[in-house]
N, C-alpha and C. Protein backbone atom coordinates (compact mmCIF):
# COMPACT_ATOMS: atom_id res chain seq x y z
N MET A 1 0.84 -1.19 0.00
CA MET A 1 0.00 0.00 0.00
C MET A 1 0.88 1.25 0.00
N CYS A 2 0.60 2.19 -0.85
CA CYS A 2 1.34 3.44 -0.90
C CYS A 2 0.84 4.36 0.20
N SER A 3 1.71 5.24 0.60
CA SER A 3 1.35 6.15 1.68
C SER A 3 1.71 7.57 1.29
N ASP A 4 1.52 8.47 2.23
CA ASP A 4 1.86 9.87 2.03
C ASP A 4 2.84 10.29 3.11
N ILE A 5 3.75 11.19 2.73
CA ILE A 5 4.65 11.79 3.70
C ILE A 5 4.71 13.29 3.44
N LEU A 6 5.15 14.01 4.45
CA LEU A 6 5.37 15.45 4.35
C LEU A 6 6.84 15.70 4.65
N ILE A 7 7.53 16.44 3.77
CA ILE A 7 8.92 16.80 3.99
C ILE A 7 9.05 18.32 3.92
N SER A 8 10.10 18.82 4.54
CA SER A 8 10.41 20.25 4.50
C SER A 8 11.65 20.46 3.63
N LEU A 9 11.58 21.45 2.76
CA LEU A 9 12.71 21.81 1.90
C LEU A 9 12.93 23.32 1.93
N HIS A 10 14.16 23.71 1.78
CA HIS A 10 14.48 25.12 1.60
C HIS A 10 13.82 25.58 0.30
N PRO A 11 13.33 26.80 0.23
CA PRO A 11 12.65 27.27 -0.99
C PRO A 11 13.45 27.06 -2.28
N ARG A 12 14.76 27.23 -2.22
CA ARG A 12 15.60 27.03 -3.41
C ARG A 12 15.46 25.60 -3.95
N HIS A 13 15.45 24.62 -3.05
CA HIS A 13 15.35 23.24 -3.48
C HIS A 13 13.94 22.92 -4.00
N CYS A 14 12.94 23.54 -3.39
CA CYS A 14 11.57 23.37 -3.87
C CYS A 14 11.44 23.95 -5.28
N GLU A 15 11.97 25.14 -5.50
CA GLU A 15 11.94 25.75 -6.83
C GLU A 15 12.62 24.86 -7.87
N ASN A 16 13.76 24.30 -7.50
CA ASN A 16 14.49 23.44 -8.43
C ASN A 16 13.71 22.16 -8.74
N LEU A 17 13.00 21.61 -7.77
CA LEU A 17 12.16 20.44 -8.02
C LEU A 17 11.03 20.78 -8.99
N VAL A 18 10.35 21.86 -8.72
CA VAL A 18 9.20 22.25 -9.54
C VAL A 18 9.64 22.59 -10.97
N SER A 19 10.80 23.20 -11.11
CA SER A 19 11.28 23.58 -12.45
C SER A 19 11.84 22.39 -13.23
N GLY A 20 12.13 21.28 -12.53
CA GLY A 20 12.70 20.11 -13.19
C GLY A 20 14.22 20.07 -13.17
N ARG A 21 14.87 21.11 -12.64
CA ARG A 21 16.34 21.10 -12.53
C ARG A 21 16.80 20.07 -11.52
N LYS A 22 15.93 19.70 -10.59
CA LYS A 22 16.24 18.74 -9.54
C LYS A 22 15.18 17.64 -9.58
N THR A 23 15.63 16.39 -9.61
CA THR A 23 14.69 15.27 -9.56
C THR A 23 15.04 14.30 -8.44
N VAL A 24 16.10 14.62 -7.71
CA VAL A 24 16.56 13.77 -6.62
C VAL A 24 16.75 14.61 -5.36
N GLU A 25 16.11 14.19 -4.28
CA GLU A 25 16.24 14.84 -2.98
C GLU A 25 17.28 14.08 -2.17
N LEU A 26 18.21 14.80 -1.59
CA LEU A 26 19.28 14.20 -0.79
C LEU A 26 18.90 14.21 0.69
N ARG A 27 19.31 13.17 1.39
CA ARG A 27 19.05 13.08 2.82
C ARG A 27 20.28 12.49 3.52
N ARG A 28 20.57 13.02 4.72
CA ARG A 28 21.68 12.50 5.53
C ARG A 28 21.30 11.19 6.21
N ARG A 29 20.02 11.00 6.45
CA ARG A 29 19.53 9.76 7.07
C ARG A 29 18.64 9.04 6.08
N LYS A 30 18.63 7.73 6.19
CA LYS A 30 17.80 6.92 5.30
C LYS A 30 16.32 7.11 5.64
N MET A 31 15.52 7.21 4.62
CA MET A 31 14.07 7.32 4.79
C MET A 31 13.44 6.01 4.34
N ALA A 32 12.68 5.40 5.22
CA ALA A 32 12.01 4.15 4.90
C ALA A 32 10.69 4.46 4.20
N VAL A 33 10.78 4.76 2.91
CA VAL A 33 9.59 5.01 2.10
C VAL A 33 9.67 4.14 0.87
N GLN A 34 8.52 3.80 0.35
CA GLN A 34 8.43 2.89 -0.79
C GLN A 34 8.14 3.67 -2.08
N PRO A 35 8.55 3.11 -3.21
CA PRO A 35 8.14 3.70 -4.49
C PRO A 35 6.61 3.81 -4.52
N GLY A 36 6.13 4.90 -5.08
CA GLY A 36 4.70 5.15 -5.14
C GLY A 36 4.20 6.05 -4.02
N THR A 37 5.04 6.28 -3.01
CA THR A 37 4.65 7.17 -1.91
C THR A 37 4.47 8.58 -2.44
N ARG A 38 3.39 9.23 -2.03
CA ARG A 38 3.18 10.63 -2.39
C ARG A 38 3.90 11.51 -1.37
N VAL A 39 4.66 12.47 -1.86
CA VAL A 39 5.45 13.37 -1.03
C VAL A 39 4.85 14.77 -1.12
N TRP A 40 4.39 15.29 0.01
CA TRP A 40 3.92 16.67 0.09
C TRP A 40 5.12 17.50 0.49
N ILE A 41 5.34 18.63 -0.19
CA ILE A 41 6.56 19.41 0.00
C ILE A 41 6.24 20.75 0.64
N TYR A 42 6.76 20.91 1.86
CA TYR A 42 6.63 22.16 2.61
C TYR A 42 7.88 22.98 2.34
N SER A 43 7.70 24.18 1.84
CA SER A 43 8.79 25.11 1.58
C SER A 43 8.98 25.97 2.83
N THR A 44 10.18 25.93 3.39
CA THR A 44 10.45 26.60 4.65
C THR A 44 10.47 28.13 4.52
N HIS A 45 10.74 28.79 5.62
CA HIS A 45 10.79 30.25 5.70
C HIS A 45 11.71 30.79 4.61
N PRO A 46 11.39 31.82 3.91
CA PRO A 46 10.30 32.76 4.17
C PRO A 46 8.96 32.38 3.54
N ARG A 47 8.92 31.32 2.73
CA ARG A 47 7.64 30.95 2.11
C ARG A 47 6.67 30.34 3.11
N ALA A 48 7.14 29.39 3.90
CA ALA A 48 6.35 28.77 4.97
C ALA A 48 4.98 28.29 4.47
N ARG A 49 5.03 27.34 3.52
CA ARG A 49 3.77 26.80 2.99
C ARG A 49 4.02 25.47 2.28
N VAL A 50 2.99 24.65 2.22
CA VAL A 50 3.03 23.44 1.40
C VAL A 50 2.66 23.89 0.00
N GLU A 51 3.56 23.64 -0.95
CA GLU A 51 3.30 24.18 -2.28
C GLU A 51 3.46 23.20 -3.42
N ALA A 52 3.89 21.98 -3.13
CA ALA A 52 4.08 21.02 -4.22
C ALA A 52 3.92 19.60 -3.70
N CYS A 53 3.85 18.68 -4.63
CA CYS A 53 3.85 17.26 -4.27
C CYS A 53 4.54 16.50 -5.39
N ALA A 54 4.92 15.26 -5.08
CA ALA A 54 5.63 14.41 -6.03
C ALA A 54 5.39 12.96 -5.64
N ILE A 55 5.88 12.07 -6.46
CA ILE A 55 5.78 10.64 -6.20
C ILE A 55 7.20 10.07 -6.12
N VAL A 56 7.43 9.21 -5.13
CA VAL A 56 8.74 8.55 -4.98
C VAL A 56 8.87 7.49 -6.07
N GLU A 57 9.94 7.61 -6.84
CA GLU A 57 10.26 6.59 -7.84
C GLU A 57 11.17 5.53 -7.24
N GLY A 58 12.09 5.95 -6.37
CA GLY A 58 13.00 5.01 -5.74
C GLY A 58 13.81 5.68 -4.65
N VAL A 59 14.38 4.87 -3.77
CA VAL A 59 15.22 5.35 -2.68
C VAL A 59 16.54 4.60 -2.77
N PHE A 60 17.65 5.33 -2.69
CA PHE A 60 18.97 4.74 -2.85
C PHE A 60 19.90 5.20 -1.73
N SER A 61 20.80 4.32 -1.34
CA SER A 61 21.81 4.64 -0.34
C SER A 61 23.15 4.14 -0.85
N GLY A 62 24.22 4.83 -0.46
CA GLY A 62 25.55 4.41 -0.87
C GLY A 62 26.58 5.37 -0.35
N SER A 63 27.79 5.17 -0.78
CA SER A 63 28.86 6.09 -0.39
C SER A 63 28.61 7.45 -1.05
N HIS A 64 29.29 8.44 -0.56
CA HIS A 64 29.14 9.78 -1.13
C HIS A 64 29.48 9.75 -2.63
N ASP A 65 30.58 9.11 -2.97
CA ASP A 65 30.99 9.05 -4.37
C ASP A 65 29.99 8.30 -5.23
N GLU A 66 29.45 7.18 -4.71
CA GLU A 66 28.46 6.42 -5.47
C GLU A 66 27.23 7.26 -5.79
N LEU A 67 26.73 7.97 -4.78
CA LEU A 67 25.54 8.78 -5.02
C LEU A 67 25.84 9.98 -5.92
N TRP A 68 27.00 10.61 -5.74
CA TRP A 68 27.33 11.73 -6.62
C TRP A 68 27.43 11.24 -8.07
N ASN A 69 28.10 10.12 -8.28
CA ASN A 69 28.25 9.59 -9.64
C ASN A 69 26.91 9.23 -10.26
N ALA A 70 26.00 8.71 -9.45
CA ALA A 70 24.69 8.30 -9.97
C ALA A 70 23.73 9.47 -10.16
N PHE A 71 23.79 10.47 -9.26
CA PHE A 71 22.75 11.50 -9.23
C PHE A 71 23.25 12.94 -9.23
N GLY A 72 24.55 13.14 -9.33
CA GLY A 72 25.11 14.49 -9.23
C GLY A 72 24.49 15.50 -10.17
N ASP A 73 24.10 15.06 -11.35
CA ASP A 73 23.50 15.97 -12.33
C ASP A 73 22.00 16.16 -12.11
N LYS A 74 21.46 15.55 -11.06
CA LYS A 74 20.01 15.63 -10.82
C LYS A 74 19.66 16.26 -9.46
N VAL A 75 20.68 16.78 -8.74
CA VAL A 75 20.43 17.29 -7.39
C VAL A 75 20.46 18.82 -7.28
N ALA A 76 20.88 19.49 -8.33
CA ALA A 76 20.89 20.96 -8.40
C ALA A 76 21.73 21.60 -7.29
N VAL A 77 22.84 20.94 -6.94
CA VAL A 77 23.83 21.53 -6.04
C VAL A 77 25.21 21.20 -6.61
N SER A 78 26.21 21.97 -6.21
CA SER A 78 27.58 21.71 -6.65
C SER A 78 28.16 20.54 -5.86
N ARG A 79 29.25 20.00 -6.35
CA ARG A 79 29.92 18.91 -5.62
C ARG A 79 30.38 19.42 -4.25
N CYS A 80 30.82 20.65 -4.18
CA CYS A 80 31.25 21.23 -2.91
C CYS A 80 30.08 21.27 -1.91
N GLU A 81 28.90 21.73 -2.36
CA GLU A 81 27.72 21.76 -1.49
C GLU A 81 27.31 20.34 -1.08
N PHE A 82 27.37 19.42 -2.01
CA PHE A 82 27.05 18.02 -1.74
C PHE A 82 27.97 17.47 -0.65
N ASP A 83 29.28 17.66 -0.81
CA ASP A 83 30.24 17.16 0.17
C ASP A 83 30.04 17.82 1.53
N HIS A 84 29.77 19.09 1.54
CA HIS A 84 29.54 19.80 2.81
C HIS A 84 28.29 19.26 3.50
N TYR A 85 27.23 19.03 2.74
CA TYR A 85 25.98 18.52 3.32
C TYR A 85 26.19 17.15 3.96
N PHE A 86 26.96 16.29 3.32
CA PHE A 86 27.16 14.93 3.83
C PHE A 86 28.38 14.78 4.74
N ALA A 87 29.07 15.87 5.04
CA ALA A 87 30.24 15.80 5.94
C ALA A 87 29.84 15.15 7.26
N GLY A 88 30.64 14.20 7.71
CA GLY A 88 30.38 13.53 8.97
C GLY A 88 29.46 12.33 8.89
N THR A 89 29.00 12.00 7.68
CA THR A 89 28.13 10.83 7.52
C THR A 89 28.90 9.74 6.76
N ALA A 90 28.59 8.50 7.07
CA ALA A 90 29.23 7.39 6.38
C ALA A 90 28.59 7.13 5.02
N ASP A 91 27.27 7.27 4.97
CA ASP A 91 26.51 7.00 3.75
C ASP A 91 25.70 8.22 3.35
N ALA A 92 25.32 8.22 2.10
CA ALA A 92 24.44 9.25 1.56
C ALA A 92 23.15 8.58 1.09
N HIS A 93 22.07 9.32 1.09
CA HIS A 93 20.77 8.76 0.72
C HIS A 93 20.10 9.68 -0.29
N ALA A 94 19.42 9.08 -1.25
CA ALA A 94 18.77 9.83 -2.32
C ALA A 94 17.37 9.31 -2.54
N ILE A 95 16.45 10.23 -2.74
CA ILE A 95 15.07 9.89 -3.07
C ILE A 95 14.81 10.42 -4.48
N VAL A 96 14.58 9.53 -5.41
CA VAL A 96 14.29 9.92 -6.79
C VAL A 96 12.80 10.21 -6.87
N LEU A 97 12.47 11.39 -7.37
CA LEU A 97 11.08 11.84 -7.45
C LEU A 97 10.63 11.95 -8.90
N ARG A 98 9.34 11.73 -9.09
CA ARG A 98 8.74 11.90 -10.42
C ARG A 98 7.40 12.61 -10.22
N GLU A 99 6.83 13.06 -11.31
CA GLU A 99 5.53 13.71 -11.29
C GLU A 99 5.46 14.86 -10.28
N VAL A 100 6.51 15.66 -10.23
CA VAL A 100 6.52 16.82 -9.34
C VAL A 100 5.55 17.86 -9.90
N CYS A 101 4.69 18.37 -9.06
CA CYS A 101 3.73 19.38 -9.51
C CYS A 101 3.42 20.35 -8.38
N THR A 102 3.01 21.53 -8.76
CA THR A 102 2.62 22.53 -7.77
C THR A 102 1.16 22.32 -7.42
N LEU A 103 0.80 22.76 -6.23
CA LEU A 103 -0.59 22.70 -5.82
C LEU A 103 -1.34 23.87 -6.46
N LYS A 104 -2.59 23.68 -6.78
CA LYS A 104 -3.38 24.76 -7.36
C LYS A 104 -3.38 25.96 -6.41
N ARG A 105 -3.50 25.68 -5.14
CA ARG A 105 -3.41 26.72 -4.12
C ARG A 105 -2.51 26.20 -3.01
N SER A 106 -1.40 26.89 -2.78
CA SER A 106 -0.51 26.45 -1.70
C SER A 106 -1.22 26.64 -0.35
N ILE A 107 -0.70 25.98 0.66
CA ILE A 107 -1.30 26.05 1.99
C ILE A 107 -0.28 26.68 2.93
N LYS A 108 -0.56 27.89 3.36
CA LYS A 108 0.36 28.61 4.24
C LYS A 108 0.38 28.00 5.63
N LEU A 109 1.53 28.15 6.29
CA LEU A 109 1.70 27.64 7.64
C LEU A 109 0.62 28.19 8.57
N LYS A 110 0.29 29.46 8.41
CA LYS A 110 -0.74 30.08 9.25
C LYS A 110 -2.07 29.34 9.11
N GLU A 111 -2.45 28.99 7.87
CA GLU A 111 -3.69 28.26 7.65
C GLU A 111 -3.61 26.85 8.23
N LEU A 112 -2.47 26.19 8.03
CA LEU A 112 -2.31 24.84 8.59
C LEU A 112 -2.47 24.86 10.10
N ARG A 113 -1.88 25.84 10.75
CA ARG A 113 -1.99 25.92 12.22
C ARG A 113 -3.39 26.30 12.66
N ARG A 114 -4.09 27.08 11.86
CA ARG A 114 -5.47 27.43 12.20
C ARG A 114 -6.37 26.20 12.10
N ARG A 115 -6.14 25.39 11.09
CA ARG A 115 -6.99 24.22 10.86
C ARG A 115 -6.54 22.97 11.60
N LEU A 116 -5.26 22.93 11.97
CA LEU A 116 -4.69 21.74 12.62
C LEU A 116 -3.95 22.17 13.87
N ALA A 117 -4.63 22.19 14.99
CA ALA A 117 -4.03 22.64 16.24
C ALA A 117 -2.72 21.90 16.50
N GLY A 118 -1.68 22.66 16.81
CA GLY A 118 -0.39 22.07 17.14
C GLY A 118 0.44 21.63 15.95
N PHE A 119 0.06 22.01 14.73
CA PHE A 119 0.82 21.60 13.55
C PHE A 119 2.21 22.22 13.56
N HIS A 120 3.21 21.39 13.28
CA HIS A 120 4.59 21.85 13.11
C HIS A 120 5.15 21.18 11.87
N PRO A 121 5.79 21.93 10.99
CA PRO A 121 6.43 21.31 9.82
C PRO A 121 7.49 20.32 10.29
N PRO A 122 7.69 19.24 9.58
CA PRO A 122 8.66 18.23 10.02
C PRO A 122 10.10 18.69 9.85
N GLN A 123 10.96 18.28 10.76
CA GLN A 123 12.40 18.52 10.61
C GLN A 123 12.99 17.56 9.58
N PHE A 124 12.54 16.31 9.61
CA PHE A 124 13.06 15.28 8.72
C PHE A 124 11.97 14.90 7.72
N PHE A 125 10.98 14.17 8.19
CA PHE A 125 9.79 13.90 7.41
C PHE A 125 8.73 13.38 8.36
N LYS A 126 7.49 13.41 7.91
CA LYS A 126 6.38 12.94 8.73
C LYS A 126 5.50 12.04 7.88
N ARG A 127 5.18 10.87 8.41
CA ARG A 127 4.23 9.98 7.75
C ARG A 127 2.83 10.52 7.97
N LEU A 128 2.00 10.43 6.95
CA LEU A 128 0.62 10.90 7.04
C LEU A 128 -0.30 9.70 6.90
N ASP A 129 -0.86 9.30 8.00
CA ASP A 129 -1.80 8.19 8.04
C ASP A 129 -3.01 8.55 7.17
N PRO A 130 -3.57 7.58 6.43
CA PRO A 130 -4.71 7.88 5.56
C PRO A 130 -5.89 8.55 6.28
N ARG A 131 -5.99 8.37 7.58
CA ARG A 131 -7.11 8.95 8.33
C ARG A 131 -6.75 10.24 9.06
N CYS A 132 -5.51 10.71 8.92
CA CYS A 132 -5.10 11.89 9.70
C CYS A 132 -5.68 13.18 9.11
N LYS A 133 -5.87 14.15 9.99
CA LYS A 133 -6.43 15.43 9.55
C LYS A 133 -5.51 16.17 8.59
N GLU A 134 -4.17 16.06 8.81
CA GLU A 134 -3.23 16.74 7.92
C GLU A 134 -3.45 16.31 6.47
N LEU A 135 -3.56 15.02 6.26
CA LEU A 135 -3.74 14.52 4.89
C LEU A 135 -5.07 15.00 4.31
N GLY A 136 -6.09 15.07 5.14
CA GLY A 136 -7.37 15.58 4.66
C GLY A 136 -7.26 17.02 4.18
N VAL A 137 -6.55 17.85 4.94
CA VAL A 137 -6.38 19.25 4.56
C VAL A 137 -5.53 19.36 3.29
N LEU A 138 -4.45 18.60 3.22
CA LEU A 138 -3.58 18.65 2.04
C LEU A 138 -4.30 18.13 0.80
N SER A 139 -5.06 17.08 0.95
CA SER A 139 -5.75 16.48 -0.20
C SER A 139 -6.82 17.37 -0.80
N GLU A 140 -7.27 18.37 -0.04
CA GLU A 140 -8.23 19.32 -0.59
C GLU A 140 -7.64 20.10 -1.75
N ARG A 141 -6.33 20.20 -1.75
CA ARG A 141 -5.63 20.97 -2.78
C ARG A 141 -5.19 20.03 -3.88
N THR A 142 -5.97 19.95 -4.92
CA THR A 142 -5.58 19.07 -6.03
C THR A 142 -4.36 19.66 -6.71
N ALA A 143 -3.59 18.80 -7.30
CA ALA A 143 -2.35 19.24 -7.96
C ALA A 143 -2.60 19.50 -9.43
N GLU A 144 -1.79 20.41 -9.94
CA GLU A 144 -1.83 20.68 -11.38
C GLU A 144 -0.45 20.43 -11.93
N SER A 145 -0.36 19.94 -13.11
CA SER A 145 0.93 19.63 -13.72
C SER A 145 1.62 20.87 -14.17
């Protein structure tokens, strides 16, 4: 069964995903998500809103060099930024995304907090149970290609 998750990205990385310059999200820790998982993308301050979604095509882990060689042209960062991000980690992790699209209407943090008491954007990622209120609010916003 496919599921939904919510992740937080810096606005620059969100823009690169939406524009197609980036198709792979990098993570310092492994994410246990399956292909087909829908990813809701929260763009951090100053945007502070959920503005896009995508589908997980695959999840990969390996050495820094292995991931750079496989995905370096799909991450929209320089090798220097890549190395700095993964400094101090033994392995690197990559989530290949497809069908990235913007929401017809983004959902601002203020609205999320008004509708979902105690809502906080995830530091790493958050699983969204099919019955959770967060998913209900996000699903109201259909995506456009």
